[in-house]
Protein backbone atom coordinates (compact mmCIF):
# COMPACT_ATOMS: atom_id res chain seq x y z
CA MET A 1 57.73 5.61 -22.98
CA ASN A 2 55.56 8.24 -24.63
CA TYR A 3 52.01 6.94 -24.82
CA SER A 4 49.31 8.39 -27.06
CA TYR A 5 45.66 8.78 -26.16
CA LEU A 6 44.86 5.75 -28.35
CA ASP A 7 47.60 3.74 -26.59
CA CYS A 8 45.86 4.60 -23.34
CA LEU A 9 42.49 3.35 -24.60
CA SER A 10 43.99 0.07 -25.79
CA LEU A 11 45.99 -0.70 -22.65
CA PHE A 12 43.04 0.11 -20.40
CA GLY A 13 40.90 -1.88 -22.81
CA VAL A 14 38.28 0.84 -22.93
CA GLY A 15 35.01 -0.19 -24.55
CA GLY A 16 32.25 2.29 -25.35
CA ALA A 17 34.61 5.25 -24.99
CA HIS A 18 32.26 7.58 -26.85
CA PRO A 19 29.73 9.65 -24.85
CA GLY A 20 26.53 7.70 -24.28
CA GLY A 21 28.38 4.38 -24.32
CA LEU A 22 26.56 1.20 -25.20
CA LYS A 23 23.21 2.75 -24.30
CA LEU A 24 23.51 5.27 -27.14
CA THR A 25 24.64 2.50 -29.49
CA LYS A 26 21.57 0.43 -28.62
CA THR A 27 19.31 3.42 -29.25
CA ILE A 28 20.85 4.15 -32.65
CA LEU A 29 20.62 0.51 -33.77
CA SER A 30 17.03 0.15 -32.53
CA ARG A 31 15.94 2.70 -35.14
CA GLU A 32 17.18 0.50 -37.97
CA TYR A 33 15.69 -2.64 -39.49
CA ILE A 34 18.24 -5.34 -38.68
CA ASP A 35 17.53 -9.04 -39.10
CA GLN A 36 19.63 -12.18 -39.44
CA GLU A 37 20.22 -11.52 -43.15
CA LYS A 38 22.01 -8.23 -42.55
CA SER A 39 25.78 -7.77 -42.49
CA ILE A 40 27.37 -5.18 -40.20
CA LEU A 41 30.92 -3.85 -40.07
CA ASP A 42 32.04 -2.44 -36.72
CA VAL A 43 35.07 -0.27 -37.53
CA GLY A 44 37.57 0.52 -34.82
CA CYS A 45 35.88 -2.25 -32.85
CA GLY A 46 38.21 -1.91 -29.86
CA THR A 47 37.59 -4.63 -27.29
CA GLY A 48 34.48 -5.76 -29.16
CA GLN A 49 31.78 -4.60 -26.74
CA THR A 50 29.52 -3.26 -29.50
CA SER A 51 30.18 -6.15 -31.90
CA ALA A 52 29.30 -8.67 -29.21
CA TYR A 53 26.05 -6.86 -28.44
CA ILE A 54 25.05 -6.78 -32.11
CA ALA A 55 25.83 -10.46 -32.65
CA LYS A 56 23.83 -11.51 -29.58
CA LYS A 57 20.90 -9.16 -30.16
CA TYR A 58 20.39 -9.46 -33.92
CA ARG A 59 22.05 -12.80 -34.79
CA CYS A 60 23.33 -11.24 -38.00
CA SER A 61 26.72 -11.32 -39.70
CA VAL A 62 29.20 -9.13 -37.81
CA THR A 63 32.71 -8.18 -38.90
CA SER A 64 34.99 -6.35 -36.45
CA LEU A 65 37.89 -4.30 -37.76
CA ASP A 66 40.72 -2.61 -35.89
CA ASN A 67 44.43 -2.00 -36.45
CA ASN A 68 45.48 -2.10 -32.80
CA PRO A 69 46.91 -5.54 -31.84
CA THR A 70 46.03 -5.12 -28.16
CA MET A 71 42.42 -4.23 -28.92
CA LEU A 72 42.09 -7.07 -31.43
CA LYS A 73 43.42 -9.58 -28.92
CA LYS A 74 40.92 -8.44 -26.30
CA ALA A 75 38.06 -8.47 -28.82
CA THR A 76 38.96 -11.99 -29.95
CA GLN A 77 39.05 -13.20 -26.36
CA ARG A 78 35.65 -11.64 -25.70
CA PHE A 79 34.06 -13.26 -28.76
CA SER A 80 35.61 -16.63 -27.96
CA SER A 81 34.40 -16.58 -24.35
CA LEU A 82 30.88 -15.73 -25.53
CA GLN A 83 31.07 -18.24 -28.41
CA LEU A 84 30.14 -15.61 -30.96
CA PRO A 85 30.94 -16.23 -34.66
CA ILE A 86 32.32 -12.76 -35.31
CA LYS A 87 34.94 -12.25 -38.01
CA VAL A 88 37.90 -10.23 -36.72
CA ILE A 89 39.98 -8.25 -39.21
CA ASP A 90 43.32 -6.54 -38.64
CA GLY A 91 43.16 -3.56 -40.95
CA SER A 92 42.93 0.17 -41.52
CA VAL A 93 39.66 1.93 -42.27
CA GLU A 94 41.57 4.07 -44.77
CA LYS A 95 42.26 1.00 -46.91
CA MET A 96 39.93 -1.80 -45.93
CA PRO A 97 40.54 -5.40 -47.08
CA HIS A 98 36.95 -6.05 -48.14
CA PHE A 99 35.10 -6.55 -51.37
CA ASP A 100 33.03 -3.73 -52.77
CA GLY A 101 29.39 -3.56 -51.67
CA LEU A 102 29.62 -6.13 -48.89
CA PHE A 103 27.89 -4.52 -45.90
CA ASP A 104 24.37 -3.35 -45.09
CA PHE A 105 25.61 -1.21 -42.20
CA ILE A 106 28.86 0.33 -41.02
CA LEU A 107 29.09 1.48 -37.42
CA SER A 108 31.80 4.00 -36.53
CA GLU A 109 31.87 5.06 -32.88
CA SER A 110 34.34 7.93 -32.41
CA VAL A 111 36.68 6.36 -34.94
CA THR A 112 36.57 8.33 -38.19
CA SER A 113 37.92 11.53 -36.61
CA PHE A 114 41.19 9.71 -35.82
CA THR A 115 41.80 8.93 -39.49
CA ASP A 116 42.22 10.69 -42.81
CA VAL A 117 38.49 11.44 -42.93
CA SER A 118 38.19 11.90 -46.70
CA LEU A 119 39.87 8.56 -47.44
CA THR A 120 37.93 6.75 -44.75
CA LEU A 121 34.53 7.99 -45.92
CA GLN A 122 35.35 6.95 -49.48
CA GLU A 123 36.21 3.48 -48.18
CA PHE A 124 32.97 3.33 -46.19
CA LYS A 125 31.00 4.16 -49.32
CA ARG A 126 32.91 1.55 -51.34
CA VAL A 127 32.30 -1.39 -49.01
CA LEU A 128 28.64 -0.56 -48.32
CA LYS A 129 25.91 -2.12 -50.43
CA PRO A 130 24.11 0.32 -52.81
CA ASN A 131 21.48 1.09 -50.16
CA GLY A 132 23.81 0.55 -47.22
CA VAL A 133 23.85 2.84 -44.20
CA LEU A 134 26.72 4.46 -42.31
CA LEU A 135 26.03 5.16 -38.64
CA ALA A 136 28.69 7.36 -37.07
CA ILE A 137 29.17 9.07 -33.72
CA GLU A 138 31.81 11.78 -34.06
CA ILE A 139 33.21 14.83 -32.30
CA VAL A 140 32.22 18.20 -33.75
CA LEU A 141 33.64 21.69 -33.31
CA GLU A 142 30.70 23.88 -32.31
CA GLU A 143 32.48 27.14 -31.48
CA SER A 144 35.72 28.68 -32.72
CA LEU A 145 38.91 28.04 -30.78
CA SER A 146 42.26 29.78 -30.77
CA GLU A 147 45.15 28.28 -32.70
CA GLU A 148 46.76 27.31 -29.40
CA GLU A 149 43.61 25.55 -28.18
CA LEU A 150 43.21 23.71 -31.47
CA LYS A 151 46.85 22.58 -31.36
CA THR A 152 46.42 21.31 -27.79
CA LEU A 153 43.42 19.18 -28.74
CA VAL A 154 44.79 17.95 -32.07
CA ASP A 155 48.15 16.99 -30.56
CA PHE A 156 46.66 15.24 -27.54
CA TYR A 157 44.07 13.19 -29.41
CA GLY A 158 46.17 12.57 -32.49
CA ILE A 159 43.61 13.81 -34.99
CA SER A 160 44.34 15.84 -38.12
CA ARG A 161 41.78 18.57 -37.38
CA LEU A 162 38.47 19.31 -35.69
CA LEU A 163 35.48 19.48 -38.05
CA THR A 164 32.31 21.54 -37.85
CA VAL A 165 28.88 20.13 -38.75
CA SER A 166 29.22 21.82 -42.14
CA ASP A 167 32.66 20.24 -42.68
CA TRP A 168 31.28 16.78 -41.91
CA ARG A 169 28.29 17.24 -44.21
CA ASN A 170 30.50 18.36 -47.08
CA LEU A 171 32.85 15.40 -46.63
CA PHE A 172 29.95 12.92 -46.53
CA GLN A 173 28.56 14.43 -49.73
CA LYS A 174 31.95 14.37 -51.42
CA ALA A 175 32.26 10.65 -50.57
CA GLY A 176 28.98 9.99 -52.39
CA PHE A 177 26.41 9.87 -49.60
CA LYS A 178 23.13 11.43 -50.72
CA GLN A 179 20.95 11.31 -47.62
CA ILE A 180 22.60 12.69 -44.48
CA SER A 181 20.80 12.93 -41.15
CA ILE A 182 22.52 14.84 -38.35
CA ASN A 183 21.52 14.87 -34.68
CA LYS A 184 23.37 16.19 -31.66
CA TYR A 185 23.86 13.83 -28.74
CA LYS A 186 22.66 15.40 -25.52
CA GLN A 187 24.33 14.01 -22.43
CA PRO A 188 21.80 13.18 -19.66
CA LEU A 189 22.32 15.33 -16.56
CA ASP A 190 22.23 12.32 -14.23
CA ASP A 191 22.47 8.90 -15.80
CA ASN A 192 23.73 5.96 -13.75
CA ASP A 193 22.65 3.35 -16.30
CA ILE A 194 25.25 0.58 -16.52
CA ASP A 195 25.16 0.82 -20.33
CA THR A 196 26.57 4.36 -20.20
CA SER A 197 29.47 3.39 -17.95
CA THR A 198 32.89 2.68 -19.43
CA ASP A 199 33.83 -0.96 -20.04
CA PHE A 200 37.44 -1.86 -19.12
CA SER A 201 39.69 -4.79 -20.00
CA LEU A 202 43.02 -3.97 -18.37
CA SER A 203 46.43 -5.03 -19.68
CA GLY A 204 48.44 -6.19 -16.66
CA ASN A 205 50.23 -3.47 -14.72
CA ILE A 206 49.20 0.05 -15.68
CA ASP A 207 51.91 2.71 -16.07
CA GLU A 208 51.22 5.91 -14.11
CA LYS A 209 51.71 7.87 -17.33
CA LEU A 210 48.54 6.26 -18.68
CA LEU A 211 46.60 7.50 -15.67
CA GLU A 212 47.93 10.99 -16.39
CA ILE A 213 46.59 10.73 -19.94
CA LEU A 214 43.15 9.75 -18.66
CA GLU A 215 43.21 12.67 -16.24
CA LYS A 216 44.15 15.08 -19.02
CA HIS A 217 41.34 13.69 -21.17
CA GLU A 218 38.87 14.36 -18.36
CA HIS A 219 40.28 17.87 -17.94
CA LEU A 220 39.98 18.67 -21.65
CA THR A 221 36.46 17.23 -21.77
CA LYS A 222 35.34 19.54 -18.98
CA THR A 223 37.24 22.56 -20.32
CA TYR A 224 35.74 22.36 -23.82
CA LYS A 225 32.33 20.86 -23.04
CA ASP A 226 30.57 23.96 -24.40
CA LYS A 227 32.67 24.20 -27.55
CA LEU A 228 32.91 20.55 -28.60
CA GLY A 229 29.92 18.27 -29.09
CA TYR A 230 29.17 14.76 -30.25
CA TYR A 231 26.83 14.19 -33.17
CA ILE A 232 25.12 11.16 -34.65
CA PHE A 233 25.36 10.94 -38.43
CA ARG A 234 23.21 8.61 -40.53
CA CYS A 235 24.34 8.50 -44.13
CA CYS A 236 23.23 6.48 -47.13
């Protein structure tokens, strides 16, 4: 069977796959005013690690959306075991099954890049309240790459293309966001905090091909660490 990178994440049940993990998520959310009256949409929720943290920490309304059955099953099991009243939705961020203007916040952790970005950002804007905020952690192309290098990365990760900071800003503006804050995430040199470690929820026996995908991911991460970065976008 030919597995994709996203298949690998779902079968390993990887939570907090983005650099910085849950620790970065906590930092980003701590800068916002979130109380029990707020509603938050966690897109590409995966196994529900972030959604569960938000529901426990802020006691607000949390909706978790993903289109991967394996991830949704693991997220549902997590929420049930923790007795958290989180609404789980099976759906695509490119065409979300929600009413207009429903959410105060949308959190996208290394999700938007794997979609048709223009469509997804338009959907984010549609389902946010008038003063709603999009918080996104996304990969950014910082230095030019050869066509061969770009093809290697695009094919492996299953994304349409790698975007520069300028590309992202233009797409946010085109989707209707007026205020766009952009900050680069700087990986700590030595951070053994448990919140930065990867959370796993394994699916039975793991095929060796999946381990090969993880190894290639690690290889690509090291190879292009000076040309690819992760940025935090705050848009409203």
